[in-house]
Protein backbone atom coordinates (compact mmCIF):
# COMPACT_ATOMS: atom_id res chain seq x y z
CA MET A 1 28.70 13.51 -4.64
CA LYS A 2 26.14 14.52 -2.04
CA TYR A 3 23.21 15.12 -4.38
CA LEU A 4 23.34 11.95 -6.43
CA LEU A 5 24.04 9.79 -3.42
CA SER A 6 20.87 11.22 -1.89
CA ILE A 7 19.01 9.91 -4.93
CA PHE A 8 20.44 6.42 -5.18
CA ILE A 9 20.30 5.06 -1.62
CA SER A 10 18.57 1.73 -1.15
CA PHE A 11 19.09 -2.05 -1.21
CA LEU A 12 22.82 -1.60 -0.45
CA ALA A 13 23.05 -5.19 0.75
CA PHE A 14 22.65 -6.50 -2.80
CA SER A 15 24.87 -6.29 -5.83
CA ALA A 16 23.96 -3.83 -8.56
CA MET A 17 23.51 -6.62 -11.09
CA ALA A 18 21.10 -8.42 -8.77
CA GLN A 19 19.11 -5.21 -8.40
CA PHE A 20 18.82 -4.68 -12.14
CA ASP A 21 17.96 -8.34 -12.74
CA SER A 22 15.27 -8.07 -10.08
CA LEU A 23 13.79 -5.01 -11.74
CA LYS A 24 13.84 -6.69 -15.14
CA HIS A 25 11.98 -9.62 -13.63
CA GLU A 26 9.50 -7.20 -12.07
CA MET A 27 8.80 -5.63 -15.46
CA THR A 28 8.28 -9.09 -16.93
CA LEU A 29 5.78 -9.89 -14.19
CA ARG A 30 3.91 -6.65 -14.87
CA ASP A 31 3.84 -7.33 -18.61
CA LYS A 32 2.52 -10.84 -17.98
CA VAL A 33 -0.46 -9.49 -16.04
CA LEU A 34 -1.04 -6.76 -18.64
CA ASN A 35 -1.05 -9.45 -21.33
CA ASP A 36 -3.64 -11.36 -19.31
CA ILE A 37 -5.80 -8.24 -19.26
CA GLN A 38 -5.34 -7.76 -23.01
CA ASN A 39 -6.19 -11.39 -23.81
CA ASN A 40 -9.26 -11.33 -21.59
CA PHE A 41 -10.40 -8.10 -23.21
CA ASN A 42 -9.82 -9.47 -26.72
CA ASN A 43 -11.82 -12.62 -25.96
CA ARG A 44 -14.74 -10.62 -24.58
CA THR A 45 -14.60 -8.18 -27.48
CA GLN A 46 -14.62 -10.98 -30.03
CA SER A 47 -17.59 -12.58 -28.32
CA ILE A 48 -19.53 -9.30 -28.22
CA ASP A 49 -18.58 -8.46 -31.81
CA SER A 50 -19.91 -11.84 -32.87
CA THR A 51 -23.13 -11.20 -30.95
CA VAL A 52 -23.55 -7.74 -32.47
CA ASN A 53 -22.86 -9.12 -35.94
CA LYS A 54 -25.52 -11.80 -35.50
CA LEU A 55 -27.99 -9.23 -34.18
CA ASP A 56 -27.28 -6.96 -37.17
CA GLN A 57 -28.07 -9.88 -39.47
CA ARG A 58 -31.18 -10.61 -37.43
CA LEU A 59 -32.30 -6.97 -37.71
CA SER A 60 -31.69 -6.97 -41.46
CA SER A 61 -33.75 -10.14 -41.83
CA LEU A 62 -36.56 -8.75 -39.67
CA ASP A 63 -36.61 -5.49 -41.63
CA LYS A 64 -37.09 -7.39 -44.88
CA SER A 65 -39.73 -9.61 -43.34
CA ILE A 66 -41.61 -6.62 -41.93
CA ALA A 67 -41.49 -4.84 -45.27
CA GLN A 68 -42.82 -7.88 -47.11
CA SER A 69 -45.44 -8.92 -44.54
CA LYS A 70 -49.08 -8.12 -45.33
CA ASP A 71 -50.46 -9.70 -42.18
CA ALA A 72 -50.94 -7.16 -39.39
CA ASN A 73 -50.46 -9.68 -36.58
CA GLU A 74 -47.33 -11.11 -38.19
CA LYS A 75 -45.93 -7.60 -38.74
CA ALA A 76 -46.63 -6.68 -35.10
CA ASP A 77 -44.82 -9.83 -33.94
CA LYS A 78 -41.85 -9.05 -36.18
CA LEU A 79 -41.73 -5.47 -34.90
CA GLN A 80 -41.67 -6.75 -31.32
CA GLN A 81 -38.81 -9.11 -32.23
CA ARG A 82 -36.99 -6.17 -33.81
CA VAL A 83 -37.33 -4.08 -30.63
CA GLN A 84 -35.93 -6.98 -28.65
CA ALA A 85 -33.02 -7.33 -31.08
CA VAL A 86 -32.26 -3.60 -30.88
CA GLU A 87 -32.32 -3.76 -27.07
CA ALA A 88 -30.03 -6.80 -27.13
CA LYS A 89 -27.62 -4.99 -29.46
CA GLN A 90 -27.61 -1.90 -27.24
CA LYS A 91 -26.96 -4.08 -24.21
CA ALA A 92 -24.02 -5.72 -26.02
CA ILE A 93 -22.61 -2.32 -26.99
CA GLU A 94 -22.88 -1.12 -23.38
CA GLN A 95 -21.21 -4.31 -22.19
CA ASN A 96 -18.38 -3.70 -24.62
CA GLU A 97 -17.94 -0.19 -23.23
CA LEU A 98 -17.88 -1.62 -19.71
CA ASN A 99 -15.27 -4.21 -20.74
CA LEU A 100 -13.14 -1.47 -22.30
CA PHE A 101 -13.28 0.69 -19.19
CA GLN A 102 -12.60 -2.27 -16.92
CA ALA A 103 -9.53 -3.21 -18.96
CA ASN A 104 -8.23 0.36 -18.85
CA TYR A 105 -8.66 0.71 -15.11
CA GLN A 106 -7.10 -2.72 -14.59
CA SER A 107 -4.13 -1.55 -16.67
CA ALA A 108 -3.88 1.61 -14.56
CA MET A 109 -3.94 -0.39 -11.34
CA VAL A 110 -1.30 -2.89 -12.46
CA ASN A 111 1.00 -0.16 -13.82
CA LEU A 112 0.57 1.86 -10.63
CA VAL A 113 1.42 -0.89 -8.15
CA SER A 114 4.30 -2.08 -10.35
CA MET A 115 5.89 1.36 -10.11
CA ASP A 116 6.39 0.62 -6.41
CA ARG A 117 9.46 -1.40 -7.34
CA GLU A 118 10.37 0.55 -10.46
CA ILE A 119 10.85 3.83 -8.59
CA LYS A 120 12.92 2.26 -5.81
CA PRO A 121 15.70 0.97 -8.09
CA LEU A 122 15.83 4.47 -9.55
CA LEU A 123 16.41 5.71 -6.00
CA LEU A 124 19.15 3.22 -5.26
CA PHE A 125 21.72 2.58 -7.98
CA ASN A 126 24.15 0.76 -5.77
CA SER A 127 26.46 0.58 -8.77
CA THR A 128 26.91 4.35 -8.55
CA LYS A 129 28.69 4.00 -5.22
CA SER A 130 31.98 2.97 -6.83
CA PHE A 131 31.74 5.60 -9.55
CA PHE A 132 30.88 8.56 -7.35
CA ASN A 133 33.42 7.59 -4.71
CA ALA A 134 36.05 7.62 -7.45
CA LEU A 135 34.69 10.93 -8.77
CA SER A 136 34.99 12.48 -5.30
CA GLU A 137 38.54 11.14 -4.93
CA THR A 138 39.51 12.65 -8.28
CA GLY A 139 38.38 16.06 -7.02
CA ASN A 140 40.49 15.86 -3.87
CA PRO A 141 44.18 16.78 -4.38
CA MET A 142 45.12 14.85 -1.22
CA ASN A 143 44.68 11.65 -3.22
CA TYR A 144 47.53 12.53 -5.60
CA ASP A 145 51.11 11.41 -5.04
CA GLY A 146 53.17 13.77 -2.93
CA TYR A 147 50.39 16.29 -2.36
CA THR A 148 49.66 15.60 1.31
CA LYS A 149 53.29 16.01 2.36
CA TRP A 150 53.66 19.17 0.29
CA TYR A 151 50.35 20.57 1.59
CA ASN A 152 51.47 20.09 5.19
CA GLN A 153 54.60 22.12 4.45
CA TYR A 154 52.54 24.83 2.81
CA ALA A 155 49.99 24.84 5.71
CA ALA A 156 52.85 25.19 8.20
CA TYR A 157 54.13 28.16 6.22
CA VAL A 158 50.65 29.79 6.28
CA LYS A 159 50.39 29.25 10.03
CA GLU A 160 53.85 30.62 10.67
CA LYS A 161 53.57 33.70 8.45
CA LYS A 162 49.86 34.60 8.81
CA ALA A 163 50.62 37.44 11.20
CA GLU A 164 52.87 39.03 8.58
CA SER A 165 50.46 38.96 5.63
CA PRO A 166 46.74 39.77 5.32
CA VAL A 167 46.42 37.24 2.48
CA LEU A 168 47.96 34.46 4.56
CA ASN A 169 45.85 35.40 7.57
CA VAL A 170 42.68 35.26 5.44
CA THR A 171 43.80 31.94 3.95
CA SER A 172 44.42 30.49 7.40
CA ASN A 173 40.94 31.50 8.54
CA LEU A 174 39.28 30.18 5.39
CA LEU A 175 41.10 26.86 5.63
CA SER A 176 39.92 26.47 9.21
CA PHE A 177 36.38 27.48 8.20
CA ALA A 178 36.28 25.03 5.28
CA GLY A 179 37.65 22.16 7.33
CA ASN A 180 40.74 22.10 5.09
CA PHE A 181 41.40 19.75 2.20
CA THR A 182 42.79 16.95 4.30
CA LYS A 183 39.17 16.23 5.24
CA GLY A 184 37.96 16.17 1.66
CA THR A 185 36.76 19.75 1.26
CA PRO A 186 36.37 20.37 -2.51
CA VAL A 187 38.87 22.76 -4.07
CA THR A 188 36.34 25.14 -5.55
CA GLY A 189 34.42 28.32 -4.84
CA PRO A 190 35.49 31.73 -3.47
CA ILE A 191 38.14 30.22 -1.20
CA THR A 192 40.33 29.31 -4.17
CA SER A 193 41.32 32.91 -4.88
CA ALA A 194 42.98 33.30 -1.47
CA LEU A 195 44.30 29.76 -1.64
CA PHE A 196 46.06 30.25 -4.96
CA SER A 197 47.44 33.61 -3.84
CA SER A 198 48.90 32.17 -0.65
CA MET A 199 50.33 29.16 -2.48
CA THR A 200 52.01 31.55 -4.90
CA SER A 201 53.39 33.49 -1.94
CA TYR A 202 54.75 30.26 -0.47
CA ILE A 203 56.51 29.41 -3.73
CA ASP A 204 57.95 32.92 -4.11
CA ASN A 205 59.43 32.76 -0.62
CA LEU A 206 61.30 29.53 -1.23
CA GLY A 207 65.07 30.04 -1.32
CA LYS A 208 67.29 29.43 -4.30
CA LYS A 209 68.69 26.35 -2.58
CA GLU A 210 65.21 24.81 -2.51
CA LYS A 211 64.99 24.37 -6.26
CA ALA A 212 63.50 20.86 -6.12
CA LEU A 213 60.84 21.95 -3.62
CA LYS A 214 60.05 24.99 -5.73
CA GLU A 215 59.56 22.85 -8.84
CA GLN A 216 57.38 20.45 -6.86
CA SER A 217 55.40 23.36 -5.43
CA GLU A 218 54.75 24.74 -8.90
CA GLN A 219 53.48 21.31 -9.94
CA MET A 220 51.26 21.09 -6.85
CA LEU A 221 49.86 24.57 -7.46
CA THR A 222 49.13 23.63 -11.07
CA LEU A 223 47.44 20.43 -9.88
CA THR A 224 45.37 22.37 -7.34
CA MET A 225 44.19 24.78 -10.04
CA LYS A 226 43.31 21.95 -12.42
CA ILE A 227 41.35 20.14 -9.72
CA SER A 228 39.57 23.37 -8.84
CA GLN A 229 38.48 23.71 -12.47
CA PHE A 230 37.51 20.03 -12.58
CA ASN A 231 35.34 20.49 -9.49
CA TYR A 232 33.77 23.60 -11.00
CA ASP A 233 32.90 21.74 -14.19
CA ASN A 234 31.61 18.79 -12.19
CA ASP A 235 29.45 21.06 -10.02
CA ARG A 236 27.48 22.11 -13.10
CA ILE A 237 26.53 18.48 -13.63
CA GLU A 238 25.87 18.00 -9.95
CA ASN A 239 23.42 20.91 -9.89
CA GLU A 240 21.21 18.95 -12.27
CA TRP A 241 21.22 16.01 -9.83
CA GLU A 242 19.84 18.37 -7.21
CA SER A 243 16.97 19.26 -9.53
CA ILE A 244 16.41 15.58 -10.34
CA THR A 245 16.36 14.79 -6.62
CA THR A 246 13.61 17.38 -6.10
CA GLU A 247 11.63 15.94 -9.01
CA LEU A 248 11.98 12.40 -7.66
CA GLN A 249 10.89 13.45 -4.21
CA ASP A 250 7.79 15.13 -5.63
CA LEU A 251 7.11 12.13 -7.86
CA GLN A 252 7.36 9.81 -4.87
CA LYS A 253 4.84 11.91 -2.90
CA LYS A 254 2.35 11.92 -5.77
CA TYR A 255 2.88 8.21 -6.30
CA ASP A 256 2.22 7.44 -2.63
CA LYS A 257 -0.95 9.55 -2.76
CA SER A 258 -2.21 7.85 -5.93
CA LEU A 259 -1.40 4.39 -4.58
CA LYS A 260 -3.24 5.09 -1.33
CA GLU A 261 -6.32 6.38 -3.18
CA ASN A 262 -6.49 3.46 -5.59
CA LEU A 263 -5.97 0.85 -2.90
CA ALA A 264 -8.86 2.45 -1.00
CA ILE A 265 -11.03 2.32 -4.13
CA ILE A 266 -10.62 -1.45 -4.39
CA LYS A 267 -10.89 -1.84 -0.61
CA THR A 268 -7.29 -2.99 -0.06
CA SER A 269 -5.30 -1.76 2.93
CA PRO A 270 -1.74 -0.40 2.55
CA ALA A 271 -0.60 -3.03 5.06
CA ASN A 272 -2.09 -5.79 2.92
CA PHE A 273 -0.37 -4.40 -0.16
CA GLN A 274 2.93 -4.05 1.68
CA SER A 275 2.82 -7.61 2.95
CA ASN A 276 1.58 -9.33 -0.19
CA PHE A 277 3.37 -7.31 -2.84
CA SER A 278 6.06 -4.84 -1.73
CA ASP A 279 7.69 -7.24 0.74
CA GLU A 280 6.83 -10.46 -1.08
CA ASN A 281 9.76 -12.07 -2.91
CA ASP A 282 7.94 -15.11 -4.32
CA ALA A 283 7.24 -14.23 -7.97
CA GLU A 284 4.25 -16.56 -8.27
CA LYS A 285 2.61 -15.09 -5.16
CA ARG A 286 3.20 -11.59 -6.49
CA TYR A 287 1.65 -12.60 -9.80
CA GLN A 288 -1.40 -14.03 -8.02
CA TYR A 289 -1.70 -10.85 -5.96
CA LEU A 290 -1.51 -8.65 -9.05
CA THR A 291 -4.22 -10.80 -10.63
CA LYS A 292 -6.37 -10.30 -7.53
CA LEU A 293 -5.91 -6.53 -7.67
CA ARG A 294 -6.77 -6.61 -11.36
CA ASP A 295 -10.00 -8.48 -10.63
CA GLU A 296 -10.88 -6.04 -7.84
CA ALA A 297 -10.37 -3.12 -10.21
CA ALA A 298 -12.77 -4.65 -12.74
CA LYS A 299 -15.25 -5.37 -9.96
CA PHE A 300 -15.15 -1.73 -8.83
CA VAL A 301 -15.94 -0.43 -12.33
CA SER A 302 -18.87 -2.85 -12.64
CA GLN A 303 -20.27 -1.82 -9.24
CA GLU A 304 -19.92 1.87 -10.09
CA LYS A 305 -21.96 1.33 -13.25
CA GLU A 306 -24.72 -0.31 -11.24
CA LYS A 307 -24.75 2.32 -8.48
CA ASN A 308 -24.29 5.39 -10.64
CA PRO A 309 -25.40 4.72 -14.25
CA LYS A 310 -24.98 8.35 -15.27
CA ASP A 311 -21.46 9.17 -13.99
CA TRP A 312 -20.02 5.69 -13.39
CA ARG A 313 -16.83 6.42 -15.38
CA GLN A 314 -15.77 9.54 -13.48
CA LYS A 315 -14.04 8.15 -10.39
CA ALA A 316 -11.88 5.62 -12.21
CA PHE A 317 -11.23 8.04 -15.08
CA ILE A 318 -9.60 10.56 -12.73
CA GLN A 319 -7.33 7.87 -11.29
CA MET A 320 -6.43 6.58 -14.75
CA ASN A 321 -5.28 10.06 -15.79
CA ASP A 322 -3.21 10.40 -12.61
CA VAL A 323 -1.49 7.05 -13.19
CA GLN A 324 -0.72 7.91 -16.80
CA SER A 325 0.72 11.24 -15.69
CA LEU A 326 2.91 9.47 -13.11
CA LYS A 327 4.26 7.06 -15.72
CA GLN A 328 5.01 9.92 -18.10
CA ARG A 329 6.84 11.86 -15.39
CA PHE A 330 8.74 8.73 -14.39
CA GLY A 331 9.88 8.32 -17.98
CA GLN A 332 10.89 11.98 -18.13
CA VAL A 333 12.96 11.65 -14.94
CA THR A 334 14.77 8.58 -16.28
CA PHE A 335 15.45 10.53 -19.48
CA ARG A 336 16.95 13.40 -17.47
CA ILE A 337 19.13 10.94 -15.56
CA SER A 338 20.29 9.34 -18.80
CA GLN A 339 21.15 12.75 -20.30
CA ASN A 340 23.00 13.88 -17.19
CA LEU A 341 25.07 10.70 -17.13
CA LEU A 342 26.17 11.50 -20.69
CA LYS A 343 27.54 14.86 -19.54
CA TYR A 344 30.32 13.04 -17.69
CA LYS A 345 31.61 11.83 -21.04
CA GLU A 346 32.21 15.46 -22.05
CA LEU A 347 33.80 16.19 -18.67
CA PHE A 348 36.22 13.28 -18.92
CA GLU A 349 37.11 14.08 -22.52
CA LYS A 350 38.33 17.48 -21.33
CA TYR A 351 40.73 16.09 -18.72
CA LYS A 352 41.73 12.55 -19.73
CA ALA A 353 44.81 13.68 -21.67
CA ASP A 354 46.11 15.70 -18.72
CA PRO A 355 49.39 14.24 -17.35
CA GLN A 356 48.32 14.80 -13.73
CA LEU A 357 44.61 13.87 -13.83
CA GLY A 358 44.54 11.57 -16.85
CA THR A 359 45.05 8.23 -15.10
CA ARG A 360 42.21 8.82 -12.67
CA ILE A 361 39.95 10.11 -15.44
CA LYS A 362 40.49 6.96 -17.49
CA ASP A 363 39.52 4.88 -14.46
CA LEU A 364 36.40 7.01 -14.09
CA GLU A 365 35.54 6.41 -17.75
CA ILE A 366 35.50 2.67 -17.14
CA LYS A 367 33.26 3.00 -14.09
CA MET A 368 31.02 5.43 -15.96
CA LYS A 369 30.63 2.98 -18.83
CA GLU A 370 29.55 0.26 -16.40
CA LEU A 371 27.04 2.60 -14.80
CA GLN A 372 25.64 3.75 -18.15
CA GLU A 373 25.30 0.17 -19.39
CA SER A 374 23.51 -0.87 -16.20
CA PHE A 375 21.10 2.03 -16.57
CA ASP A 376 20.47 1.43 -20.28
CA LYS A 377 19.78 -2.28 -19.71
CA THR A 378 17.19 -1.44 -17.08
CA PHE A 379 15.52 1.74 -18.27
CA ASP A 380 14.47 2.87 -21.72
CA PRO A 381 13.13 6.37 -20.95
CA LEU A 382 11.63 7.06 -24.37
CA GLU A 383 9.92 3.68 -24.51
CA TYR A 384 8.60 4.23 -21.00
CA ILE A 385 7.10 7.57 -22.05
CA ASN A 386 5.66 6.07 -25.24
CA SER A 387 4.14 3.13 -23.36
CA ALA A 388 2.51 5.59 -20.95
CA ASN A 389 1.01 7.48 -23.88
CA ARG A 390 -0.53 4.31 -25.29
CA MET A 391 -1.40 2.46 -22.09
CA TYR A 392 -5.18 2.78 -22.56
CA LYS A 393 -7.46 1.34 -25.21
CA VAL A 394 -9.92 3.61 -27.00
């Protein structure tokens, strides 16, 4: 399975369960920091809301006092106090907006850097190695009892008679071109037409005294045709893996670009991030580093507001949209993977009752179930997409 194996290719030194447990722990770490951001935002919001509420009461009291006052000096003093209260309220409202934007950009930063380890497990799936090896073996007739010996007899016949028959000559050339099935070449594609024709010719030329061999040959030809159809059906699923691979590669490029830009914004080098987060295995140190990045993100927003009061939101806003888009695409890719894994269920249902392929198909079903369960325990595509849609406060 060349396409899928090109997708899932990392951390091969660890067990699949360890990989999924690690990713689960990583998501827990991310959620912990996001909860810190939420709690901090709630506390600040409550404090500002209390301040605004008190100022509203103060303004209401001053308005009544001003309306009732008949002394010009007293009224002027009350009006000055009212202006001060209005300014204080406006300042509190602006502070609340700053807190909201800081929390959103902090959320974007934490979600972005956490994807560093969320994408990689999607690229590895060590647990797929057993499944796709078994899938490849199922599509190779050489792995079935008696086939290799029979094939060698058939190949010898093709070699011996190729000068006498155009079909056998073409078959001989195609087998040499394809590398022949003893090396794992899939039984599928244009070559099968000549292959089946020459196998039929081989069977027809067997003598009456070779009844057992003829019966075996008919069984082997039937097996070859079934495997050819199995490979054809499997190729339709595999084509989707090729598309998913392309999507993942593009997603990885955009992720790397976004990560680089955001690290630069908070004045953090890629090497520093690599050392203190990507390569760091101590969970507490990773948590502290995420907290530091969160604080730097808030600091950037505050500095932007001071330097550029008019357009202070713009720079972070662009990055926030990019991160949200990345998370949505990541969720969509995991959804495509989940849906494509389900297609194997339909494939196996078609062949599991077959007397020649059935045993191997049932073994594949078990491995497929393990793979699906591992994926489902780690990724919830729809929840990932939904969380991306609601990752910012408004």
